[in-house]
């Protein structure tokens, strides 16, 4: 991150921004996400919050020199301590958060076999609503039986009305990276069939 702030990657940032400019429409860019989740998964996620914010601000500033159609999404997981990584409102167009329901993890860390979308989102929403920016759930997933997945997601769609700053939800329809949740867990599989997702969201749109 120090190299980013020092300008080492300015040419790459400019090249990326020019590609986005050529799209000719707004492009949401989620750079340096989940920075407060210091697990070793991402090199930019570390305990030096100042190093991160310097790099994030530099990235946004350089990209804006070359493109004016980028919507910058600052996207923590939504955990405690995220405020240390806040770069300032002038560098953020949207705030992103992640919402995942993984029963095995919840049982070990929250002593609950399952957690509803409302339970998960409420605590994260409270931490980011204070920034008064539109919120995007940039990653959402639920693992378990097909029946449980669809029931949980139906509740999520119904519950979105209670979180007025949320303007979009993106479903992470894939199997996660092995080890991402710890070596003691099999990689959670968030996949839901496209037809089921279409029916679910279509029925609740």
N, C-alpha and C. Protein backbone atom coordinates (compact mmCIF):
# COMPACT_ATOMS: atom_id res chain seq x y z
N UNK A 1 0.82 -1.21 0.00
CA UNK A 1 0.00 0.00 0.00
C UNK A 1 0.86 1.26 0.00
N UNK A 2 2.04 1.15 0.60
CA UNK A 2 2.95 2.29 0.59
C UNK A 2 3.37 2.65 -0.81
N UNK A 3 3.57 1.63 -1.66
CA UNK A 3 3.95 1.89 -3.05
C UNK A 3 2.84 2.58 -3.82
N UNK A 4 1.60 2.23 -3.53
CA UNK A 4 0.46 2.89 -4.18
C UNK A 4 0.44 4.36 -3.82
N UNK A 5 0.55 4.67 -2.53
CA UNK A 5 0.51 6.06 -2.08
C UNK A 5 1.69 6.86 -2.60
N UNK A 6 2.81 6.17 -2.83
CA UNK A 6 4.01 6.85 -3.32
C UNK A 6 4.00 7.06 -4.83
N UNK A 7 3.01 6.53 -5.52
CA UNK A 7 2.88 6.76 -6.96
C UNK A 7 3.49 5.70 -7.84
N UNK A 8 3.94 4.59 -7.26
CA UNK A 8 4.60 3.56 -8.05
C UNK A 8 3.68 2.97 -9.11
N UNK A 9 2.38 2.94 -8.84
CA UNK A 9 1.44 2.31 -9.76
C UNK A 9 0.56 3.32 -10.50
N UNK A 10 1.01 4.55 -10.57
CA UNK A 10 0.19 5.58 -11.21
C UNK A 10 -0.14 5.27 -12.66
N UNK A 11 0.80 4.71 -13.39
CA UNK A 11 0.54 4.40 -14.80
C UNK A 11 -0.53 3.32 -14.93
N UNK A 12 -0.51 2.34 -14.04
CA UNK A 12 -1.53 1.29 -14.07
C UNK A 12 -2.89 1.86 -13.68
N UNK A 13 -2.90 2.75 -12.71
CA UNK A 13 -4.16 3.38 -12.32
C UNK A 13 -4.73 4.18 -13.47
N UNK A 14 -3.86 4.92 -14.16
CA UNK A 14 -4.32 5.72 -15.30
C UNK A 14 -4.86 4.82 -16.41
N UNK A 15 -4.16 3.73 -16.69
CA UNK A 15 -4.60 2.81 -17.75
C UNK A 15 -5.97 2.22 -17.41
N UNK A 16 -6.16 1.83 -16.15
CA UNK A 16 -7.45 1.30 -15.73
C UNK A 16 -8.55 2.35 -15.87
N UNK A 17 -8.25 3.56 -15.44
CA UNK A 17 -9.25 4.63 -15.50
C UNK A 17 -9.64 4.94 -16.95
N UNK A 18 -8.67 4.91 -17.85
CA UNK A 18 -8.96 5.19 -19.26
C UNK A 18 -9.83 4.09 -19.86
N UNK A 19 -9.61 2.84 -19.44
CA UNK A 19 -10.47 1.75 -19.92
C UNK A 19 -11.91 1.96 -19.42
N UNK A 20 -12.04 2.39 -18.19
CA UNK A 20 -13.37 2.64 -17.64
C UNK A 20 -14.02 3.82 -18.34
N UNK A 21 -13.25 4.85 -18.61
CA UNK A 21 -13.79 6.01 -19.32
C UNK A 21 -14.36 5.61 -20.67
N UNK A 22 -13.70 4.66 -21.33
CA UNK A 22 -14.13 4.24 -22.66
C UNK A 22 -15.48 3.52 -22.64
N UNK A 23 -15.89 3.03 -21.47
CA UNK A 23 -17.18 2.37 -21.35
C UNK A 23 -18.31 3.34 -21.67
N UNK A 24 -18.12 4.60 -21.27
CA UNK A 24 -19.11 5.63 -21.58
C UNK A 24 -20.36 5.59 -20.73
N UNK A 25 -20.28 4.91 -19.59
CA UNK A 25 -21.40 4.82 -18.65
C UNK A 25 -20.82 4.69 -17.26
N UNK A 26 -21.62 4.95 -16.23
CA UNK A 26 -21.09 4.82 -14.86
C UNK A 26 -20.60 3.40 -14.57
N UNK A 27 -19.44 3.30 -13.94
CA UNK A 27 -18.86 2.02 -13.56
C UNK A 27 -18.56 2.06 -12.06
N UNK A 28 -19.10 1.11 -11.32
CA UNK A 28 -18.85 1.02 -9.89
C UNK A 28 -17.53 0.31 -9.66
N UNK A 29 -16.63 0.95 -8.94
CA UNK A 29 -15.29 0.40 -8.71
C UNK A 29 -15.07 0.19 -7.22
N UNK A 30 -14.89 -1.07 -6.85
CA UNK A 30 -14.70 -1.47 -5.46
C UNK A 30 -13.23 -1.83 -5.29
N UNK A 31 -12.45 -0.89 -4.76
CA UNK A 31 -11.00 -1.07 -4.66
C UNK A 31 -10.57 -1.18 -3.20
N UNK A 32 -9.72 -2.17 -2.91
CA UNK A 32 -9.19 -2.33 -1.57
C UNK A 32 -10.26 -2.72 -0.56
N UNK A 33 -11.08 -3.69 -0.93
CA UNK A 33 -12.24 -4.05 -0.11
C UNK A 33 -11.86 -4.87 1.13
N UNK A 34 -12.77 -4.92 2.08
CA UNK A 34 -12.65 -5.72 3.31
C UNK A 34 -11.34 -5.47 4.04
N UNK A 35 -10.95 -4.20 4.08
CA UNK A 35 -9.65 -3.81 4.61
C UNK A 35 -9.49 -4.01 6.10
N UNK A 36 -10.61 -4.04 6.83
CA UNK A 36 -10.51 -4.19 8.28
C UNK A 36 -10.50 -5.65 8.71
N UNK A 37 -10.64 -6.57 7.76
CA UNK A 37 -10.63 -8.00 8.04
C UNK A 37 -9.19 -8.51 7.93
N UNK A 38 -8.44 -8.32 9.00
CA UNK A 38 -6.99 -8.57 8.97
C UNK A 38 -6.73 -10.06 9.24
N UNK A 39 -6.84 -10.86 8.19
CA UNK A 39 -6.65 -12.31 8.32
C UNK A 39 -5.50 -12.82 7.45
N UNK A 40 -4.91 -11.94 6.65
CA UNK A 40 -3.85 -12.37 5.74
C UNK A 40 -4.35 -12.70 4.35
N UNK A 41 -5.67 -12.64 4.16
CA UNK A 41 -6.22 -12.99 2.85
C UNK A 41 -5.87 -11.94 1.79
N UNK A 42 -5.89 -10.66 2.18
CA UNK A 42 -5.59 -9.59 1.24
C UNK A 42 -4.40 -8.77 1.74
N UNK A 43 -3.45 -8.44 0.87
CA UNK A 43 -2.27 -7.68 1.32
C UNK A 43 -2.59 -6.27 1.78
N UNK A 44 -3.69 -5.70 1.31
CA UNK A 44 -4.04 -4.34 1.72
C UNK A 44 -4.80 -4.31 3.05
N UNK A 45 -5.22 -5.47 3.53
CA UNK A 45 -5.94 -5.54 4.80
C UNK A 45 -4.92 -5.74 5.92
N UNK A 46 -4.52 -4.66 6.55
CA UNK A 46 -3.55 -4.74 7.63
C UNK A 46 -3.92 -3.73 8.71
N UNK A 47 -3.20 -3.77 9.80
CA UNK A 47 -3.55 -2.95 10.96
C UNK A 47 -3.11 -1.50 10.83
N UNK A 48 -2.36 -1.18 9.79
CA UNK A 48 -1.92 0.20 9.58
C UNK A 48 -2.98 0.94 8.78
N UNK A 49 -3.95 1.49 9.48
CA UNK A 49 -5.07 2.15 8.81
C UNK A 49 -4.62 3.38 8.04
N UNK A 50 -3.65 4.11 8.55
CA UNK A 50 -3.17 5.30 7.86
C UNK A 50 -2.55 4.95 6.50
N UNK A 51 -1.84 3.83 6.47
CA UNK A 51 -1.25 3.39 5.21
C UNK A 51 -2.34 3.09 4.18
N UNK A 52 -3.41 2.45 4.66
CA UNK A 52 -4.52 2.13 3.76
C UNK A 52 -5.20 3.40 3.26
N UNK A 53 -5.55 4.31 4.15
CA UNK A 53 -6.29 5.51 3.73
C UNK A 53 -5.46 6.37 2.80
N UNK A 54 -4.16 6.45 3.03
CA UNK A 54 -3.30 7.21 2.11
C UNK A 54 -3.34 6.61 0.72
N UNK A 55 -3.26 5.27 0.65
CA UNK A 55 -3.28 4.59 -0.65
C UNK A 55 -4.63 4.75 -1.33
N UNK A 56 -5.71 4.59 -0.56
CA UNK A 56 -7.05 4.71 -1.14
C UNK A 56 -7.27 6.11 -1.71
N UNK A 57 -6.91 7.13 -0.95
CA UNK A 57 -7.09 8.50 -1.42
C UNK A 57 -6.27 8.76 -2.67
N UNK A 58 -5.05 8.24 -2.69
CA UNK A 58 -4.20 8.44 -3.87
C UNK A 58 -4.80 7.75 -5.08
N UNK A 59 -5.30 6.54 -4.89
CA UNK A 59 -5.91 5.80 -6.00
C UNK A 59 -7.08 6.58 -6.59
N UNK A 60 -7.97 7.04 -5.73
CA UNK A 60 -9.15 7.76 -6.19
C UNK A 60 -8.75 9.05 -6.90
N UNK A 61 -7.82 9.78 -6.32
CA UNK A 61 -7.38 11.05 -6.91
C UNK A 61 -6.78 10.84 -8.29
N UNK A 62 -5.92 9.85 -8.42
CA UNK A 62 -5.28 9.59 -9.72
C UNK A 62 -6.31 9.11 -10.75
N UNK A 63 -7.22 8.24 -10.34
CA UNK A 63 -8.22 7.73 -11.28
C UNK A 63 -9.13 8.84 -11.77
N UNK A 64 -9.45 9.79 -10.92
CA UNK A 64 -10.33 10.89 -11.31
C UNK A 64 -9.68 11.81 -12.33
N UNK A 65 -8.37 11.83 -12.39
CA UNK A 65 -7.69 12.64 -13.40
C UNK A 65 -8.02 12.15 -14.81
N UNK A 66 -8.30 10.86 -14.96
CA UNK A 66 -8.47 10.26 -16.28
C UNK A 66 -9.90 9.86 -16.61
N UNK A 67 -10.78 9.79 -15.61
CA UNK A 67 -12.15 9.35 -15.88
C UNK A 67 -13.11 10.02 -14.90
N UNK A 68 -14.26 10.41 -15.42
CA UNK A 68 -15.28 11.04 -14.56
C UNK A 68 -16.54 10.20 -14.43
N UNK A 69 -16.46 8.94 -14.88
CA UNK A 69 -17.63 8.06 -14.81
C UNK A 69 -17.45 6.92 -13.82
N UNK A 70 -16.49 7.08 -12.90
CA UNK A 70 -16.24 6.04 -11.91
C UNK A 70 -17.02 6.35 -10.63
N UNK A 71 -17.75 5.37 -10.15
CA UNK A 71 -18.44 5.46 -8.86
C UNK A 71 -17.60 4.68 -7.86
N UNK A 72 -16.95 5.37 -6.94
CA UNK A 72 -16.02 4.73 -6.03
C UNK A 72 -16.76 4.14 -4.82
N UNK A 73 -16.55 2.83 -4.64
CA UNK A 73 -17.20 2.11 -3.56
C UNK A 73 -16.15 1.75 -2.50
N UNK A 74 -16.27 2.34 -1.33
CA UNK A 74 -15.41 1.99 -0.19
C UNK A 74 -16.12 0.87 0.55
N UNK A 75 -15.45 -0.28 0.65
CA UNK A 75 -16.20 -1.49 1.02
C UNK A 75 -15.53 -2.31 2.12
N UNK A 76 -15.77 -1.94 3.38
CA UNK A 76 -15.32 -2.81 4.47
C UNK A 76 -16.22 -4.04 4.57
N UNK A 77 -15.82 -4.99 5.40
CA UNK A 77 -16.71 -6.12 5.69
C UNK A 77 -17.94 -5.61 6.41
N UNK A 78 -17.70 -4.63 7.30
CA UNK A 78 -18.76 -4.10 8.14
C UNK A 78 -18.52 -4.40 9.60
N UNK A 79 -17.27 -4.81 9.93
CA UNK A 79 -16.94 -5.22 11.29
C UNK A 79 -16.54 -4.03 12.16
N UNK A 80 -16.42 -4.30 13.45
CA UNK A 80 -15.95 -3.28 14.38
C UNK A 80 -14.56 -2.79 13.95
N UNK A 81 -14.32 -1.49 14.10
CA UNK A 81 -13.03 -0.93 13.74
C UNK A 81 -12.94 -0.39 12.33
N UNK A 82 -14.01 -0.55 11.54
CA UNK A 82 -13.96 -0.08 10.15
C UNK A 82 -13.74 1.41 10.05
N UNK A 83 -14.18 2.17 11.07
CA UNK A 83 -14.07 3.63 11.01
C UNK A 83 -12.61 4.09 10.93
N UNK A 84 -11.69 3.27 11.37
CA UNK A 84 -10.27 3.63 11.29
C UNK A 84 -9.81 3.73 9.84
N UNK A 85 -10.50 3.07 8.95
CA UNK A 85 -10.10 3.02 7.54
C UNK A 85 -10.92 3.97 6.65
N UNK A 86 -11.76 4.78 7.25
CA UNK A 86 -12.59 5.72 6.49
C UNK A 86 -11.70 6.78 5.84
N UNK A 87 -11.72 6.91 4.50
CA UNK A 87 -10.82 7.83 3.82
C UNK A 87 -11.31 9.27 3.74
N UNK A 88 -12.58 9.50 4.07
CA UNK A 88 -13.16 10.84 3.94
C UNK A 88 -14.25 10.84 2.89
N UNK A 89 -15.31 11.62 3.14
CA UNK A 89 -16.48 11.56 2.27
C UNK A 89 -16.20 11.98 0.85
N UNK A 90 -15.19 12.84 0.63
CA UNK A 90 -14.90 13.29 -0.73
C UNK A 90 -14.30 12.20 -1.60
N UNK A 91 -13.89 11.08 -0.99
CA UNK A 91 -13.29 9.98 -1.75
C UNK A 91 -14.24 8.79 -1.90
N UNK A 92 -15.45 8.92 -1.43
CA UNK A 92 -16.39 7.79 -1.42
C UNK A 92 -17.73 8.21 -2.01
N UNK A 93 -18.19 7.44 -3.00
CA UNK A 93 -19.52 7.66 -3.58
C UNK A 93 -20.56 6.71 -3.02
N UNK A 94 -20.14 5.49 -2.73
CA UNK A 94 -21.00 4.48 -2.13
C UNK A 94 -20.21 3.75 -1.05
N UNK A 95 -20.93 3.24 -0.07
CA UNK A 95 -20.32 2.37 0.94
C UNK A 95 -20.80 0.95 0.68
N UNK A 96 -19.86 0.03 0.62
CA UNK A 96 -20.21 -1.37 0.42
C UNK A 96 -19.99 -2.17 1.70
N UNK A 97 -20.77 -3.21 1.90
CA UNK A 97 -20.57 -4.14 3.01
C UNK A 97 -20.85 -5.56 2.52
N UNK A 98 -20.39 -6.53 3.30
CA UNK A 98 -20.59 -7.94 2.98
C UNK A 98 -21.51 -8.57 4.00
N UNK A 99 -22.44 -9.41 3.54
CA UNK A 99 -23.38 -10.08 4.44
C UNK A 99 -23.44 -11.57 4.06
N UNK A 100 -22.86 -12.41 4.94
CA UNK A 100 -22.84 -13.85 4.68
C UNK A 100 -23.41 -14.60 5.88
N UNK A 101 -24.23 -15.61 5.58
CA UNK A 101 -24.76 -16.51 6.60
C UNK A 101 -24.11 -17.88 6.43
N UNK A 102 -23.22 -18.21 7.38
CA UNK A 102 -22.48 -19.46 7.37
C UNK A 102 -22.72 -20.12 8.73
N UNK A 103 -23.70 -21.01 8.85
CA UNK A 103 -24.11 -21.54 10.14
C UNK A 103 -22.97 -22.13 10.98
N UNK A 104 -22.05 -22.86 10.38
CA UNK A 104 -20.96 -23.46 11.16
C UNK A 104 -20.09 -22.38 11.80
N UNK A 105 -19.83 -21.33 11.08
CA UNK A 105 -19.04 -20.21 11.60
C UNK A 105 -19.82 -19.47 12.69
N UNK A 106 -21.10 -19.24 12.43
CA UNK A 106 -21.93 -18.53 13.40
C UNK A 106 -22.01 -19.28 14.72
N UNK A 107 -22.08 -20.60 14.65
CA UNK A 107 -22.17 -21.39 15.87
C UNK A 107 -20.90 -21.24 16.71
N UNK A 108 -19.76 -21.23 16.07
CA UNK A 108 -18.49 -21.13 16.79
C UNK A 108 -18.20 -19.73 17.31
N UNK A 109 -18.55 -18.71 16.53
CA UNK A 109 -18.13 -17.36 16.88
C UNK A 109 -19.25 -16.51 17.49
N UNK A 110 -20.48 -16.86 17.20
CA UNK A 110 -21.60 -16.08 17.74
C UNK A 110 -22.50 -16.91 18.64
N UNK A 111 -22.18 -18.20 18.76
CA UNK A 111 -22.96 -19.13 19.60
C UNK A 111 -24.43 -19.15 19.19
N UNK A 112 -24.64 -19.00 17.88
CA UNK A 112 -25.97 -19.13 17.29
C UNK A 112 -25.87 -20.06 16.10
N UNK A 113 -26.78 -21.01 16.01
CA UNK A 113 -26.73 -21.96 14.91
C UNK A 113 -26.97 -21.27 13.57
N UNK A 114 -27.84 -20.28 13.58
CA UNK A 114 -28.12 -19.51 12.37
C UNK A 114 -28.34 -18.05 12.75
N UNK A 115 -28.15 -17.17 11.77
CA UNK A 115 -28.42 -15.75 11.99
C UNK A 115 -29.20 -15.24 10.79
N UNK A 116 -30.22 -14.48 11.05
CA UNK A 116 -31.04 -13.96 9.96
C UNK A 116 -30.32 -12.83 9.24
N UNK A 117 -30.81 -12.54 8.05
CA UNK A 117 -30.29 -11.39 7.30
C UNK A 117 -30.43 -10.12 8.13
N UNK A 118 -31.55 -9.99 8.81
CA UNK A 118 -31.78 -8.79 9.63
C UNK A 118 -30.74 -8.67 10.74
N UNK A 119 -30.45 -9.78 11.42
CA UNK A 119 -29.46 -9.76 12.48
C UNK A 119 -28.09 -9.36 11.94
N UNK A 120 -27.71 -9.95 10.84
CA UNK A 120 -26.39 -9.69 10.27
C UNK A 120 -26.26 -8.26 9.76
N UNK A 121 -27.29 -7.81 9.04
CA UNK A 121 -27.19 -6.49 8.43
C UNK A 121 -27.35 -5.37 9.45
N UNK A 122 -28.17 -5.57 10.45
CA UNK A 122 -28.45 -4.50 11.41
C UNK A 122 -27.18 -3.96 12.05
N UNK A 123 -26.31 -4.86 12.51
CA UNK A 123 -25.11 -4.41 13.20
C UNK A 123 -24.13 -3.72 12.26
N UNK A 124 -24.08 -4.18 11.02
CA UNK A 124 -23.19 -3.56 10.04
C UNK A 124 -23.75 -2.23 9.54
N UNK A 125 -25.04 -2.22 9.32
CA UNK A 125 -25.72 -1.01 8.85
C UNK A 125 -25.52 0.13 9.84
N UNK A 126 -25.61 -0.18 11.12
CA UNK A 126 -25.44 0.85 12.15
C UNK A 126 -24.05 1.47 12.11
N UNK A 127 -23.06 0.69 11.70
CA UNK A 127 -21.69 1.19 11.67
C UNK A 127 -21.42 2.09 10.47
N UNK A 128 -22.15 1.90 9.38
CA UNK A 128 -21.85 2.68 8.17
C UNK A 128 -22.90 3.73 7.82
N UNK A 129 -24.09 3.63 8.43
CA UNK A 129 -25.14 4.61 8.12
C UNK A 129 -24.71 6.02 8.50
N UNK A 130 -23.82 6.14 9.46
CA UNK A 130 -23.38 7.45 9.93
C UNK A 130 -22.64 8.24 8.85
N UNK A 131 -22.20 7.57 7.80
CA UNK A 131 -21.51 8.27 6.72
C UNK A 131 -22.47 8.91 5.73
N UNK A 132 -23.75 8.59 5.84
CA UNK A 132 -24.79 9.21 5.01
C UNK A 132 -24.51 9.05 3.51
N UNK A 133 -24.06 7.87 3.15
CA UNK A 133 -23.82 7.52 1.76
C UNK A 133 -24.75 6.36 1.37
N UNK A 134 -25.15 6.28 0.11
CA UNK A 134 -25.89 5.09 -0.32
C UNK A 134 -25.06 3.83 -0.04
N UNK A 135 -25.73 2.76 0.35
CA UNK A 135 -25.05 1.52 0.72
C UNK A 135 -25.35 0.44 -0.31
N UNK A 136 -24.31 -0.30 -0.68
CA UNK A 136 -24.45 -1.44 -1.57
C UNK A 136 -23.97 -2.68 -0.83
N UNK A 137 -24.80 -3.70 -0.77
CA UNK A 137 -24.34 -4.99 -0.24
C UNK A 137 -23.59 -5.66 -1.39
N UNK A 138 -22.27 -5.50 -1.38
CA UNK A 138 -21.47 -5.90 -2.53
C UNK A 138 -21.26 -7.40 -2.61
N UNK A 139 -21.40 -8.09 -1.47
CA UNK A 139 -21.30 -9.55 -1.45
C UNK A 139 -22.32 -10.07 -0.44
N UNK A 140 -23.15 -10.98 -0.88
CA UNK A 140 -24.13 -11.60 0.02
C UNK A 140 -24.22 -13.07 -0.32
N UNK A 141 -24.27 -13.90 0.70
CA UNK A 141 -24.38 -15.33 0.45
C UNK A 141 -24.94 -16.06 1.65
N UNK A 142 -25.52 -17.21 1.40
CA UNK A 142 -26.03 -18.07 2.46
C UNK A 142 -25.75 -19.51 2.05
N UNK A 143 -25.30 -20.32 3.00
CA UNK A 143 -25.01 -21.71 2.70
C UNK A 143 -25.91 -22.61 3.53
N UNK A 144 -26.14 -23.80 3.01
CA UNK A 144 -27.04 -24.75 3.67
C UNK A 144 -27.86 -25.47 2.62
N UNK A 145 -28.96 -26.07 3.04
CA UNK A 145 -29.83 -26.75 2.09
C UNK A 145 -30.46 -25.73 1.15
N UNK A 146 -30.94 -26.22 0.02
CA UNK A 146 -31.61 -25.33 -0.93
C UNK A 146 -32.80 -24.64 -0.26
N UNK A 147 -33.54 -25.40 0.52
CA UNK A 147 -34.72 -24.84 1.18
C UNK A 147 -34.32 -23.72 2.15
N UNK A 148 -33.24 -23.94 2.89
CA UNK A 148 -32.79 -22.93 3.84
C UNK A 148 -32.28 -21.70 3.11
N UNK A 149 -31.52 -21.91 2.05
CA UNK A 149 -30.99 -20.77 1.29
C UNK A 149 -32.13 -19.89 0.77
N UNK A 150 -33.12 -20.51 0.15
CA UNK A 150 -34.20 -19.72 -0.45
C UNK A 150 -35.06 -19.05 0.62
N UNK A 151 -35.29 -19.75 1.73
CA UNK A 151 -36.06 -19.14 2.82
C UNK A 151 -35.32 -17.94 3.41
N UNK A 152 -34.02 -18.09 3.62
CA UNK A 152 -33.20 -17.00 4.18
C UNK A 152 -33.18 -15.81 3.22
N UNK A 153 -33.01 -16.08 1.94
CA UNK A 153 -32.97 -15.00 0.95
C UNK A 153 -34.32 -14.32 0.79
N UNK A 154 -35.39 -15.08 0.88
CA UNK A 154 -36.72 -14.46 0.80
C UNK A 154 -36.90 -13.48 1.95
N UNK A 155 -36.43 -13.87 3.14
CA UNK A 155 -36.50 -12.96 4.27
C UNK A 155 -35.64 -11.73 4.05
N UNK A 156 -34.49 -11.92 3.42
CA UNK A 156 -33.59 -10.80 3.14
C UNK A 156 -34.25 -9.78 2.21
N UNK A 157 -34.87 -10.27 1.16
CA UNK A 157 -35.52 -9.38 0.20
C UNK A 157 -36.65 -8.61 0.86
N UNK A 158 -37.44 -9.29 1.68
CA UNK A 158 -38.54 -8.61 2.37
C UNK A 158 -38.02 -7.57 3.36
N UNK A 159 -36.87 -7.84 3.94
CA UNK A 159 -36.36 -7.00 5.02
C UNK A 159 -35.63 -5.76 4.52
N UNK A 160 -35.29 -5.72 3.27
CA UNK A 160 -34.52 -4.59 2.74
C UNK A 160 -35.22 -3.25 2.94
N UNK A 161 -36.53 -3.26 3.00
CA UNK A 161 -37.28 -2.02 3.18
C UNK A 161 -36.94 -1.36 4.51
N UNK A 162 -36.43 -2.12 5.46
CA UNK A 162 -36.08 -1.58 6.77
C UNK A 162 -34.71 -0.90 6.80
N UNK A 163 -34.02 -0.91 5.68
CA UNK A 163 -32.69 -0.32 5.59
C UNK A 163 -32.66 0.64 4.40
N UNK A 164 -33.20 1.84 4.58
CA UNK A 164 -33.45 2.74 3.45
C UNK A 164 -32.20 3.19 2.69
N UNK A 165 -31.03 3.13 3.30
CA UNK A 165 -29.83 3.55 2.59
C UNK A 165 -29.32 2.49 1.61
N UNK A 166 -29.81 1.25 1.75
CA UNK A 166 -29.35 0.18 0.86
C UNK A 166 -30.02 0.33 -0.50
N UNK A 167 -29.21 0.47 -1.54
CA UNK A 167 -29.77 0.65 -2.88
C UNK A 167 -29.56 -0.55 -3.78
N UNK A 168 -28.73 -1.51 -3.37
CA UNK A 168 -28.50 -2.68 -4.21
C UNK A 168 -27.94 -3.82 -3.37
N UNK A 169 -28.23 -5.04 -3.81
CA UNK A 169 -27.69 -6.25 -3.19
C UNK A 169 -27.16 -7.14 -4.30
N UNK A 170 -25.91 -7.57 -4.19
CA UNK A 170 -25.28 -8.44 -5.17
C UNK A 170 -25.04 -9.79 -4.53
N UNK A 171 -25.54 -10.84 -5.17
CA UNK A 171 -25.39 -12.18 -4.60
C UNK A 171 -24.10 -12.82 -5.10
N UNK A 172 -23.34 -13.40 -4.15
CA UNK A 172 -22.06 -14.05 -4.46
C UNK A 172 -22.34 -15.50 -4.83
N UNK A 173 -22.68 -15.73 -6.06
CA UNK A 173 -23.19 -17.04 -6.47
C UNK A 173 -22.04 -17.94 -6.92
N UNK A 174 -21.24 -18.36 -5.92
CA UNK A 174 -20.07 -19.18 -6.21
C UNK A 174 -19.68 -19.93 -4.95
N UNK A 175 -18.76 -20.87 -5.08
CA UNK A 175 -18.16 -21.51 -3.92
C UNK A 175 -16.99 -20.67 -3.46
N UNK A 176 -16.84 -20.49 -2.17
CA UNK A 176 -15.80 -19.61 -1.64
C UNK A 176 -14.41 -20.24 -1.78
N UNK A 177 -13.41 -19.43 -1.53
CA UNK A 177 -12.02 -19.86 -1.61
C UNK A 177 -11.67 -20.76 -0.42
N UNK A 178 -11.06 -21.91 -0.65
CA UNK A 178 -10.68 -22.78 0.47
C UNK A 178 -9.82 -22.02 1.48
N UNK A 179 -10.15 -22.16 2.75
CA UNK A 179 -9.39 -21.51 3.80
C UNK A 179 -9.78 -20.09 4.11
N UNK A 180 -10.68 -19.52 3.32
CA UNK A 180 -11.05 -18.11 3.51
C UNK A 180 -11.71 -17.87 4.86
N UNK A 181 -12.39 -18.88 5.40
CA UNK A 181 -13.07 -18.75 6.69
C UNK A 181 -12.32 -19.46 7.80
N UNK A 182 -11.10 -19.89 7.50
CA UNK A 182 -10.30 -20.64 8.47
C UNK A 182 -10.10 -22.07 8.01
N UNK A 183 -8.97 -22.62 8.37
CA UNK A 183 -8.63 -23.97 7.91
C UNK A 183 -9.56 -25.03 8.50
N UNK A 184 -10.26 -24.70 9.58
CA UNK A 184 -11.12 -25.68 10.23
C UNK A 184 -12.45 -25.87 9.52
N UNK A 185 -12.73 -25.04 8.51
CA UNK A 185 -14.01 -25.12 7.80
C UNK A 185 -13.82 -25.51 6.34
N UNK A 186 -14.72 -26.35 5.86
CA UNK A 186 -14.79 -26.56 4.42
C UNK A 186 -15.24 -25.25 3.78
N UNK A 187 -14.78 -25.00 2.57
CA UNK A 187 -15.17 -23.77 1.88
C UNK A 187 -16.68 -23.73 1.71
N UNK A 188 -17.35 -22.69 2.22
CA UNK A 188 -18.81 -22.62 2.08
C UNK A 188 -19.21 -22.46 0.62
N UNK A 189 -20.30 -23.10 0.27
CA UNK A 189 -20.83 -23.04 -1.09
C UNK A 189 -22.09 -22.17 -1.08
N UNK A 190 -21.98 -20.98 -1.65
CA UNK A 190 -23.09 -20.02 -1.63
C UNK A 190 -24.04 -20.20 -2.82
N UNK A 191 -23.72 -21.12 -3.72
CA UNK A 191 -24.42 -21.17 -4.99
C UNK A 191 -25.91 -21.49 -4.84
N UNK A 192 -26.69 -20.74 -5.61
CA UNK A 192 -28.12 -20.96 -5.75
C UNK A 192 -28.41 -20.93 -7.24
N UNK A 193 -29.31 -21.76 -7.71
CA UNK A 193 -29.56 -21.79 -9.15
C UNK A 193 -30.06 -20.44 -9.65
N UNK A 194 -29.65 -20.11 -10.86
CA UNK A 194 -30.06 -18.85 -11.45
C UNK A 194 -31.57 -18.72 -11.56
N UNK A 195 -32.24 -19.83 -11.86
CA UNK A 195 -33.71 -19.79 -11.99
C UNK A 195 -34.35 -19.50 -10.64
N UNK A 196 -33.82 -20.11 -9.58
CA UNK A 196 -34.37 -19.86 -8.25
C UNK A 196 -34.17 -18.41 -7.83
N UNK A 197 -32.99 -17.88 -8.13
CA UNK A 197 -32.72 -16.48 -7.79
C UNK A 197 -33.64 -15.55 -8.58
N UNK A 198 -33.82 -15.85 -9.86
CA UNK A 198 -34.69 -15.01 -10.68
C UNK A 198 -36.12 -15.04 -10.17
N UNK A 199 -36.59 -16.24 -9.80
CA UNK A 199 -37.95 -16.35 -9.27
C UNK A 199 -38.07 -15.58 -7.94
N UNK A 200 -37.07 -15.75 -7.11
CA UNK A 200 -37.11 -15.10 -5.78
C UNK A 200 -37.14 -13.59 -5.90
N UNK A 201 -36.19 -13.04 -6.65
CA UNK A 201 -36.11 -11.59 -6.74
C UNK A 201 -37.23 -11.02 -7.62
N UNK A 202 -37.65 -11.79 -8.59
CA UNK A 202 -38.76 -11.32 -9.42
C UNK A 202 -40.04 -11.24 -8.63
N UNK A 203 -40.24 -12.21 -7.72
CA UNK A 203 -41.47 -12.22 -6.94
C UNK A 203 -41.50 -11.12 -5.89
N UNK A 204 -40.30 -10.59 -5.56
CA UNK A 204 -40.22 -9.58 -4.52
C UNK A 204 -39.83 -8.22 -5.05
N UNK A 205 -39.82 -8.06 -6.35
CA UNK A 205 -39.39 -6.79 -6.93
C UNK A 205 -40.54 -5.80 -6.92
